[in-house]
Amino acid sequence: MAESLCTLSHTLETRSDAVSTSGSTRSTIDFSGYSYVQYAYARCCALLRLAQQQELASDLHTFNWQLLDPGGDLYLRAATEQRLAFCLLTIADEIVRNSTSPQEPDRHVAAKLSKNLAANFLDFYDSCRILSPDRGTAMARIGLIANTKKAIAHLVADQIFLPESL
């Protein structure tokens, strides 16, 4: 799981660069729950800014996060952390599946995945102290947040407005 999540970060970075430079003019769609997705995205942005202020992450584009502690165990031990990680892996699978297809991904599938991701993120946010006293755990959680932000942006690119603050 650790290697897959680290690979996801790079994949989302690469795919989002391709989407932003492609000049896509996809029309926006309205889906129920979009404000929930917007809230999760804005919360991710705020938490990442806080991480930068706390000097836990100076440059989020080159942010190096570890999922394993020195003993080889996952830092992410809480059920909500693991559900969010598995949700991100599901999205990674969908991205890979769509990358082999020349057609645009189904927007309704993307909307459903983004709402599920937002729900899992907000459960994680409600139950886990992001800036944990343990630096390794804090860094792993920040990595989850950074990937959640990238995944939401990838899933709903050009479909809804994503605010960076509320």
Protein backbone atom coordinates (compact mmCIF):
# COMPACT_ATOMS: atom_id res chain seq x y z
CA MET A 1 0.00 0.00 0.00
CA ALA A 2 2.82 2.43 0.88
CA GLU A 3 4.47 2.20 -2.54
CA SER A 4 1.12 2.52 -4.31
CA LEU A 5 0.22 5.70 -2.44
CA CYS A 6 3.60 7.27 -3.18
CA THR A 7 3.18 6.35 -6.85
CA LEU A 8 -0.32 7.89 -6.79
CA SER A 9 1.15 11.25 -5.85
CA HIS A 10 3.42 11.25 -8.91
CA THR A 11 0.64 9.96 -11.19
CA LEU A 12 -1.78 12.68 -10.11
CA GLU A 13 0.89 15.34 -10.55
CA THR A 14 1.64 14.13 -14.08
CA ARG A 15 -2.04 13.74 -15.05
CA SER A 16 -3.04 17.15 -13.63
CA ASP A 17 -0.27 18.82 -15.64
CA ALA A 18 -1.61 17.14 -18.78
CA VAL A 19 -5.19 18.22 -18.04
CA SER A 20 -4.22 21.82 -17.29
CA THR A 21 -2.15 22.18 -20.46
CA SER A 22 -4.54 20.40 -22.80
CA GLY A 23 -6.86 23.39 -23.10
CA SER A 24 -9.83 21.22 -22.20
CA THR A 25 -13.16 22.94 -22.66
CA ARG A 26 -15.34 20.34 -21.03
CA SER A 27 -18.64 21.76 -19.97
CA THR A 28 -19.38 21.88 -16.29
CA ILE A 29 -21.96 19.60 -14.78
CA ASP A 30 -23.95 19.98 -11.63
CA PHE A 31 -24.01 17.02 -9.33
CA SER A 32 -25.58 16.72 -5.92
CA GLY A 33 -22.99 16.94 -3.20
CA TYR A 34 -20.63 19.22 -5.09
CA SER A 35 -20.50 21.65 -2.14
CA TYR A 36 -19.32 18.75 0.03
CA VAL A 37 -16.47 18.14 -2.42
CA GLN A 38 -15.68 21.87 -2.50
CA TYR A 39 -15.56 21.97 1.31
CA ALA A 40 -13.21 18.99 1.46
CA TYR A 41 -10.93 20.58 -1.15
CA ALA A 42 -10.85 23.92 0.70
CA ARG A 43 -10.14 22.10 3.97
CA CYS A 44 -7.23 20.25 2.31
CA CYS A 45 -5.82 23.57 1.09
CA ALA A 46 -6.10 25.12 4.56
CA LEU A 47 -4.43 22.15 6.24
CA LEU A 48 -1.59 22.16 3.71
CA ARG A 49 -1.05 25.89 4.31
CA LEU A 50 -0.94 25.16 8.05
CA ALA A 51 1.60 22.40 7.47
CA GLN A 52 3.77 24.88 5.58
CA GLN A 53 3.44 27.44 8.40
CA GLN A 54 4.46 24.76 10.90
CA GLU A 55 7.44 23.96 8.64
CA LEU A 56 6.30 20.37 8.12
CA ALA A 57 6.17 20.84 4.36
CA SER A 58 8.07 23.63 2.66
CA ASP A 59 7.28 22.80 -0.97
CA LEU A 60 4.25 20.60 -1.54
CA HIS A 61 5.29 19.82 -5.12
CA THR A 62 8.45 18.10 -3.91
CA PHE A 63 7.02 16.99 -0.56
CA ASN A 64 8.63 13.71 0.47
CA TRP A 65 6.38 11.79 2.79
CA GLN A 66 6.88 8.40 4.34
CA LEU A 67 4.12 5.94 5.16
CA LEU A 68 6.36 3.54 7.05
CA ASP A 69 8.05 4.16 10.37
CA PRO A 70 11.69 3.09 10.90
CA GLY A 71 10.44 -0.34 12.04
CA GLY A 72 8.58 -0.88 8.75
CA ASP A 73 5.09 -0.42 10.20
CA LEU A 74 2.51 1.94 8.73
CA TYR A 75 2.22 5.34 10.36
CA LEU A 76 -1.42 5.31 9.30
CA ARG A 77 -2.99 3.02 11.87
CA ALA A 78 -6.41 4.59 12.48
CA ALA A 79 -9.33 3.08 10.59
CA THR A 80 -10.25 6.44 9.02
CA GLU A 81 -6.67 6.94 7.79
CA GLN A 82 -6.68 3.52 6.19
CA ARG A 83 -10.13 4.03 4.60
CA LEU A 84 -8.91 7.29 3.06
CA ALA A 85 -5.75 5.57 1.80
CA PHE A 86 -7.77 2.74 0.22
CA CYS A 87 -10.15 5.28 -1.33
CA LEU A 88 -7.13 6.99 -2.92
CA LEU A 89 -5.92 3.62 -4.22
CA THR A 90 -9.35 2.98 -5.77
CA ILE A 91 -9.12 6.32 -7.53
CA ALA A 92 -5.59 5.47 -8.71
CA ASP A 93 -6.97 2.27 -10.25
CA GLU A 94 -9.67 4.29 -12.02
CA ILE A 95 -7.09 6.76 -13.32
CA VAL A 96 -4.93 3.93 -14.68
CA ARG A 97 -7.98 2.27 -16.26
CA ASN A 98 -8.97 5.54 -17.95
CA SER A 99 -5.42 6.27 -19.09
CA THR A 100 -5.55 3.22 -21.35
CA SER A 101 -8.81 4.38 -22.92
CA PRO A 102 -8.86 7.16 -25.52
CA GLN A 103 -12.25 8.40 -24.35
CA GLU A 104 -12.82 10.93 -21.60
CA PRO A 105 -13.64 9.43 -18.17
CA ASP A 106 -17.31 9.25 -17.27
CA ARG A 107 -18.13 12.45 -15.40
CA HIS A 108 -20.77 10.76 -13.29
CA VAL A 109 -18.25 8.16 -12.15
CA ALA A 110 -15.83 10.98 -11.36
CA ALA A 111 -18.55 12.81 -9.40
CA LYS A 112 -19.33 9.67 -7.40
CA LEU A 113 -15.65 9.00 -6.70
CA SER A 114 -15.06 12.61 -5.66
CA LYS A 115 -18.02 12.56 -3.24
CA ASN A 116 -16.80 9.29 -1.75
CA LEU A 117 -13.29 10.72 -1.42
CA ALA A 118 -14.65 13.87 0.23
CA ALA A 119 -16.65 11.78 2.72
CA ASN A 120 -13.63 9.64 3.58
CA PHE A 121 -11.41 12.70 3.91
CA LEU A 122 -13.85 14.50 6.21
CA ASP A 123 -14.18 11.37 8.39
CA PHE A 124 -10.37 11.30 8.60
CA TYR A 125 -10.27 15.03 9.35
CA ASP A 126 -12.86 14.68 12.14
CA SER A 127 -11.15 11.76 13.85
CA CYS A 128 -7.40 12.34 13.45
CA ARG A 129 -5.20 15.06 14.82
CA ILE A 130 -3.44 16.16 11.66
CA LEU A 131 -0.49 17.88 13.31
CA SER A 132 0.31 14.95 15.56
CA PRO A 133 3.10 15.33 18.12
CA ASP A 134 4.78 12.44 16.29
CA ARG A 135 6.44 14.05 13.26
CA GLY A 136 6.33 10.85 11.18
CA THR A 137 2.60 10.43 11.71
CA ALA A 138 2.02 14.12 10.97
CA MET A 139 4.01 13.84 7.73
CA ALA A 140 2.09 10.72 6.65
CA ARG A 141 -1.21 12.48 7.34
CA ILE A 142 -0.09 15.54 5.40
CA GLY A 143 0.78 13.21 2.54
CA LEU A 144 -2.76 11.82 2.60
CA ILE A 145 -4.13 15.36 2.55
CA ALA A 146 -1.89 16.42 -0.34
CA ASN A 147 -2.96 13.39 -2.38
CA THR A 148 -6.61 13.93 -1.51
CA LYS A 149 -6.37 17.50 -2.80
CA LYS A 150 -4.71 16.34 -6.03
CA ALA A 151 -7.24 13.53 -6.52
CA ILE A 152 -10.24 15.83 -6.02
CA ALA A 153 -8.77 18.32 -8.49
CA HIS A 154 -8.15 15.53 -11.00
CA LEU A 155 -11.62 14.01 -10.65
CA VAL A 156 -13.62 17.21 -11.00
CA ALA A 157 -11.27 19.22 -13.22
CA ASP A 158 -13.32 21.76 -15.17
CA GLN A 159 -16.58 20.45 -13.68
CA ILE A 160 -16.92 22.52 -10.52
CA PHE A 161 -15.14 25.48 -8.98
CA LEU A 162 -12.68 24.39 -6.29
CA PRO A 163 -12.09 27.13 -3.70
CA GLU A 164 -8.74 27.22 -1.91
CA SER A 165 -10.35 28.82 1.15
CA LEU A 166 -13.80 29.27 2.62
